[in-house]
Every structure is written in structure tokens, then in C-alpha cells.
Protein backbone atom coordinates (compact mmCIF):
# COMPACT_ATOMS: atom_id res chain seq x y z
CA MET A 1 -83.20 3.68 -191.01
CA THR A 2 -81.93 1.58 -193.91
CA LYS A 3 -84.73 2.79 -196.19
CA VAL A 4 -84.12 6.40 -195.21
CA VAL A 5 -80.36 6.29 -195.65
CA GLY A 6 -80.49 4.32 -198.90
CA ASP A 7 -77.60 5.01 -201.28
CA LYS A 8 -76.39 7.94 -199.18
CA LEU A 9 -74.38 5.65 -196.92
CA TRP A 10 -72.54 3.97 -199.79
CA LEU A 11 -71.84 7.30 -201.49
CA THR A 12 -70.48 8.67 -198.21
CA VAL A 13 -68.19 5.66 -197.84
CA ILE A 14 -66.93 6.08 -201.41
CA VAL A 15 -66.18 9.79 -200.94
CA SER A 16 -64.56 9.32 -197.53
CA VAL A 17 -62.36 6.37 -198.58
CA ALA A 18 -61.26 8.24 -201.71
CA THR A 19 -60.42 11.28 -199.56
CA ILE A 20 -58.38 9.21 -197.09
CA LEU A 21 -56.45 7.49 -199.88
CA PHE A 22 -55.83 10.85 -201.58
CA THR A 23 -54.59 12.34 -198.31
CA TRP A 24 -52.17 9.51 -197.60
CA ILE A 25 -50.88 9.09 -201.16
CA VAL A 26 -50.16 12.81 -201.56
CA SER A 27 -48.97 13.74 -198.08
CA PHE A 28 -46.53 10.93 -197.33
CA PRO A 29 -44.10 11.44 -200.27
CA ILE A 30 -44.24 15.22 -199.88
CA ALA A 31 -43.62 15.09 -196.13
CA ILE A 32 -40.72 12.63 -196.51
CA TYR A 33 -39.09 14.72 -199.23
CA SER A 34 -39.62 17.94 -197.29
CA ALA A 35 -38.11 16.47 -194.11
CA THR A 36 -35.06 15.01 -195.89
CA HIS A 37 -34.46 18.28 -197.79
CA GLN A 38 -34.99 20.70 -194.92
CA TYR A 39 -34.71 24.42 -195.72
CA SER A 40 -34.38 23.84 -199.45
CA TRP A 41 -36.39 25.91 -201.93
CA THR A 42 -38.69 22.95 -202.48
CA ASP A 43 -39.23 22.62 -198.73
CA HIS A 44 -40.12 26.31 -198.47
CA GLY A 45 -42.55 26.04 -201.41
CA LEU A 46 -44.24 22.94 -199.99
CA THR A 47 -44.44 24.61 -196.58
CA LEU A 48 -46.18 27.60 -198.15
CA LEU A 49 -48.68 25.33 -199.91
CA GLY A 50 -49.25 23.49 -196.63
CA PHE A 51 -50.03 26.70 -194.76
CA LEU A 52 -52.40 27.80 -197.55
CA GLY A 53 -54.17 24.45 -197.34
CA LEU A 54 -54.53 24.73 -193.58
CA ALA A 55 -55.75 28.33 -193.76
CA THR A 56 -58.37 27.77 -196.48
CA PRO A 57 -61.73 26.42 -195.25
CA ASN A 58 -63.04 23.47 -197.24
CA PHE A 59 -66.38 25.11 -197.98
CA LEU A 60 -64.61 28.24 -199.30
CA LEU A 61 -62.48 26.15 -201.65
CA ALA A 62 -65.66 24.41 -202.80
CA LEU A 63 -67.33 27.74 -203.55
CA VAL A 64 -64.28 28.97 -205.50
CA LEU A 65 -64.14 25.79 -207.60
CA LEU A 66 -67.89 25.93 -208.26
CA TYR A 67 -67.64 29.58 -209.35
CA PHE A 68 -64.68 29.10 -211.70
CA ALA A 69 -66.17 25.95 -213.23
CA ASN A 70 -69.40 27.81 -213.93
CA VAL A 71 -67.84 31.08 -215.17
CA VAL A 72 -64.80 29.78 -217.06
CA PHE A 73 -65.98 26.39 -218.33
CA GLY A 74 -69.73 26.92 -218.22
CA THR A 75 -70.37 23.69 -216.36
CA SER A 76 -71.44 22.59 -212.90
CA ILE A 77 -69.15 20.38 -210.82
CA GLY A 78 -71.61 19.90 -207.98
CA GLY A 79 -73.15 16.55 -207.14
CA LEU A 80 -71.72 13.06 -207.35
CA MET A 81 -73.37 11.80 -210.54
CA ASP A 82 -75.36 12.84 -213.56
CA ASP A 83 -78.96 13.85 -212.91
CA ARG A 84 -80.34 10.84 -214.79
CA PHE A 85 -78.75 8.49 -212.23
CA LEU A 86 -80.10 10.17 -209.09
CA ASP A 87 -83.05 7.83 -208.57
CA ALA A 88 -81.79 4.98 -210.74
CA PRO A 89 -80.61 1.65 -209.28
CA TRP A 90 -76.92 0.89 -209.13
CA SER A 91 -75.37 -0.08 -212.45
CA TRP A 92 -71.99 0.08 -214.14
CA ASP A 93 -72.88 3.38 -215.85
CA LYS A 94 -73.96 4.91 -212.54
CA PHE A 95 -70.75 3.75 -210.85
CA MET A 96 -68.63 5.25 -213.65
CA SER A 97 -70.58 8.50 -213.34
CA VAL A 98 -69.79 8.60 -209.62
CA LEU A 99 -66.09 8.03 -210.34
CA ALA A 100 -66.11 10.82 -212.95
CA HIS A 101 -67.52 13.29 -210.41
CA LEU A 102 -65.53 12.00 -207.44
CA TRP A 103 -62.28 13.92 -207.92
CA VAL A 104 -63.75 17.34 -207.10
CA PRO A 105 -65.16 16.54 -203.60
CA THR A 106 -62.08 14.42 -202.89
CA LEU A 107 -59.82 17.37 -203.67
CA VAL A 108 -61.96 19.82 -201.68
CA ILE A 109 -62.45 17.67 -198.59
CA GLY A 110 -58.89 16.33 -198.58
CA ALA A 111 -57.10 19.65 -199.04
CA SER A 112 -56.86 20.67 -195.39
CA GLY A 113 -56.30 17.11 -194.18
CA THR A 114 -53.46 16.64 -196.63
CA ALA A 115 -51.82 19.91 -195.62
CA GLY A 116 -52.13 19.05 -191.93
CA MET A 117 -50.71 15.56 -192.39
CA ILE A 118 -47.74 16.94 -194.35
CA ARG A 119 -46.89 19.35 -191.54
CA ARG A 120 -47.27 16.71 -188.80
CA LEU A 121 -45.32 13.99 -190.56
CA ARG A 122 -42.55 16.42 -191.52
CA ALA A 123 -42.22 17.60 -187.91
CA ASN A 124 -42.18 14.03 -186.58
CA LEU A 125 -39.59 12.93 -189.13
CA LEU A 126 -37.32 15.88 -188.40
CA ASP A 127 -37.41 14.96 -184.73
CA GLU A 128 -36.64 11.29 -185.42
CA LEU A 129 -33.86 12.03 -187.92
CA GLN A 130 -31.85 13.73 -185.17
CA LYS A 131 -31.97 10.77 -182.80
CA GLN A 132 -29.01 8.55 -182.08
CA TYR A 133 -30.38 5.29 -183.47
CA TYR A 134 -30.74 6.79 -186.96
CA VAL A 135 -27.32 8.43 -186.83
CA THR A 136 -25.79 5.10 -185.75
CA ALA A 137 -27.58 3.19 -188.53
CA ARG A 138 -26.25 5.64 -191.12
CA ALA A 139 -22.75 5.51 -189.61
CA LYS A 140 -22.74 1.72 -190.00
CA GLY A 141 -23.35 2.09 -193.73
CA MET A 142 -27.08 1.40 -194.00
CA PRO A 143 -28.51 2.93 -197.21
CA PRO A 144 -30.34 6.22 -196.54
CA PHE A 145 -33.75 5.14 -197.83
CA ARG A 146 -33.68 1.81 -196.01
CA ALA A 147 -32.63 3.47 -192.76
CA LEU A 148 -35.34 6.09 -193.20
CA VAL A 149 -38.15 3.57 -193.77
CA LYS A 150 -37.00 1.08 -191.13
CA TYR A 151 -36.55 3.48 -188.24
CA PRO A 152 -37.65 7.18 -188.36
CA LEU A 153 -40.66 6.74 -190.67
CA ARG A 154 -41.94 3.83 -188.63
CA MET A 155 -41.70 5.78 -185.40
CA SER A 156 -43.32 8.84 -187.00
CA LEU A 157 -46.50 6.94 -187.89
CA ASN A 158 -47.74 6.63 -184.29
CA PRO A 159 -49.92 9.78 -184.39
CA PHE A 160 -51.53 8.69 -187.64
CA ILE A 161 -52.30 5.21 -186.34
CA SER A 162 -53.89 6.83 -183.31
CA ASP A 163 -56.14 8.85 -185.64
CA ILE A 164 -57.95 5.68 -186.77
CA GLY A 165 -60.38 6.25 -183.93
CA GLY A 166 -61.48 9.46 -185.63
CA ILE A 167 -61.13 8.31 -189.22
CA LEU A 168 -63.52 5.38 -188.94
CA PRO A 169 -66.61 7.37 -187.91
CA SER A 170 -65.71 10.14 -190.37
CA ILE A 171 -66.05 7.61 -193.19
CA ILE A 172 -69.75 7.39 -192.36
CA SER A 173 -70.49 10.94 -191.24
CA GLY A 174 -68.80 12.71 -194.16
CA ALA A 175 -68.11 16.44 -194.44
CA ALA A 176 -71.54 17.96 -193.86
CA VAL A 177 -70.75 21.59 -194.78
CA VAL A 178 -68.92 20.71 -198.01
CA SER A 179 -71.67 18.25 -198.91
CA ILE A 180 -74.30 20.98 -198.54
CA VAL A 181 -72.27 23.49 -200.60
CA MET A 182 -71.54 21.00 -203.39
CA ASN A 183 -74.96 19.30 -203.24
CA LEU A 184 -73.50 15.89 -202.44
CA PRO A 185 -76.07 13.14 -201.67
CA THR A 186 -74.22 11.91 -198.58
CA THR A 187 -75.24 11.29 -194.99
CA GLY A 188 -73.85 14.58 -193.63
CA PRO A 189 -76.72 16.80 -194.87
CA MET A 190 -79.19 14.07 -193.87
CA LEU A 191 -77.96 14.12 -190.27
CA LEU A 192 -78.08 17.91 -190.21
CA ARG A 193 -81.67 17.94 -191.47
CA ALA A 194 -82.60 15.31 -188.88
CA LEU A 195 -81.17 17.48 -186.11
CA GLN A 196 -82.95 20.59 -187.42
CA ALA A 197 -86.25 18.71 -187.64
CA GLN A 198 -85.69 17.20 -184.18
CA ASP A 199 -86.04 13.70 -185.62
CA THR A 200 -84.90 11.94 -182.46
CA TYR A 201 -84.98 8.42 -183.83
CA LEU A 202 -82.96 9.06 -186.99
CA ALA A 203 -80.45 11.44 -185.37
CA GLY A 204 -80.08 9.28 -182.27
CA SER A 205 -79.55 6.09 -184.29
CA PHE A 206 -76.99 7.83 -186.47
CA LEU A 207 -75.07 9.26 -183.51
CA MET A 208 -75.13 5.90 -181.73
CA PHE A 209 -73.70 4.27 -184.86
CA LEU A 210 -70.90 6.86 -184.96
CA ALA A 211 -70.15 6.25 -181.27
CA VAL A 212 -69.83 2.50 -181.88
CA LEU A 213 -67.50 3.15 -184.82
CA THR A 214 -65.39 5.43 -182.62
CA VAL A 215 -64.96 2.70 -180.00
CA ILE A 216 -64.05 0.16 -182.69
CA GLY A 217 -61.62 2.61 -184.29
CA VAL A 218 -59.83 3.30 -181.00
CA PHE A 219 -59.55 -0.43 -180.32
CA LEU A 220 -58.09 -1.10 -183.78
CA SER A 221 -55.66 1.80 -183.42
CA ASP A 222 -54.40 0.39 -180.09
CA LEU A 223 -53.79 -3.01 -181.68
CA ALA A 224 -52.02 -1.41 -184.64
CA LEU A 225 -49.82 0.71 -182.36
CA ALA A 226 -48.79 -2.38 -180.39
CA ALA A 227 -47.85 -4.15 -183.64
CA LEU A 228 -46.04 -1.13 -185.12
CA ASP A 229 -44.05 0.21 -182.18
CA PRO A 230 -41.98 -2.28 -180.14
CA ARG A 231 -41.96 0.18 -177.25
CA ILE A 232 -45.70 -0.40 -176.78
CA ARG A 233 -46.86 -3.64 -175.21
CA LEU A 234 -50.35 -5.04 -174.66
CA GLN A 235 -49.51 -6.72 -171.36
CA GLY A 236 -50.59 -4.84 -168.26
CA GLY A 237 -49.24 -4.87 -164.76
CA ALA A 238 -46.68 -2.82 -162.91
CA THR A 239 -42.98 -3.27 -163.58
CA ARG A 240 -40.39 -3.42 -160.86
């Protein structure tokens, strides 16, 4: 399987990690600002962008970007590197070529995830900002940003920590449909071709690997939740 997967696994990891970092870096500041400035013009504009991001399929956004890049700029933005590096061994020039092409699939794949995370984090923060512990902290004179980070933001991260169980296998599987549309040499199209060809060994090994990553991701998310939220404890047993 290692010979068959080759560089596809590493390219998938690079794209997926870049997408996750893009999603978190963009969504967290926007969601915090939107929640703390509820019903402002900026909040309404960000909400509109969030709904557009949720409503637009990733593969459709990829097709639109490919069309405009070809018609307006006369260039192709498909692929993850220049053609001369496709079968070449890894080198600094090949790595820089991957980085130069990386922003387009990162933007396409991360668009819907970023919009969804903004909406979820905003809703969680709005719920936490109305609770008594935050109101009491502000009444005692705690600075707004410190009170926000120490209490409501920390409690609002629980759903995202729980998502680690799904994020970890997605780093390996990649976005298959977007990868096919944009001609990305990742493992998503490879798995799809293995399923279409009924390659039991390759598809079964790949799916087993994803299942193991899911179990590991859920375990890590449980540990992180126990460390993040004091209301969650690892000890079992009934309480009286």
C-alpha cells in the first residue's frame, strides 16, 4: 500500500492541515466579533457571508474559480504543483511549488467549514454570554476580553474539541469530490478509484486505517474535553 499511495498521502496531509488551520484562524476572530457585536451591520454582513458559504457546494466553488482563472487570467489553478514536479522526488523547489498552489484548494475546501464554524461558535458564545457567571465576572470589574476568553470562549469550545474524532481521519481521506474537480493528487480520488475497481485490498486497508484514526481521534477528544472543561471528569462510578 505504501508504494501505491506514495506522495499522495503527504500531499493530502498538507492540504488537510492547511485547511484546518485556515478554518480556525479565520472563523474564530470573526465568530467572536460577531457574537460580541450582535445585530450590528458587521454582524449582519458576516452572517450573510456565512450563509453563502454554507449554501455553496465546495465543488461548485472550485468550478467557478477554475472558470474565472482560465477566462480572465488565462491560467489554470488546478493541481498542487507544476507539471515538471509531478514525478520528481521531493526537493525544496517542489515543496515551494506545492505551497504556491496550496491556497486555492485550501480556500475551496475550507469555505463551507469556515462558515459552519463561524455560525456554531457565534451561537455558542451568545448562549454563554447571557449566563450568570459571565455577568458576575463583568460586574466585579474583570476586563471584557479577559472575561470573554476565560469563561464563555472556553465553554464554547466543547463542540469543536469533540470534532477531533472526525477531523483526524479527514486529514488522511481528503475532499474526494473537490480533488477530482481540481485534479489534486491526493488520496481521495485514489480511494474512489479503488472502490470503483473493486480493489478490495487497497480500499479495505484504507478504510481500516480511517477507522483506527477515528477511534484515536475520539479518544484524544475525550482527554482534551476533560482537560478543558472542569465539569467533565474522567473518573467513573455513580454519585450519591
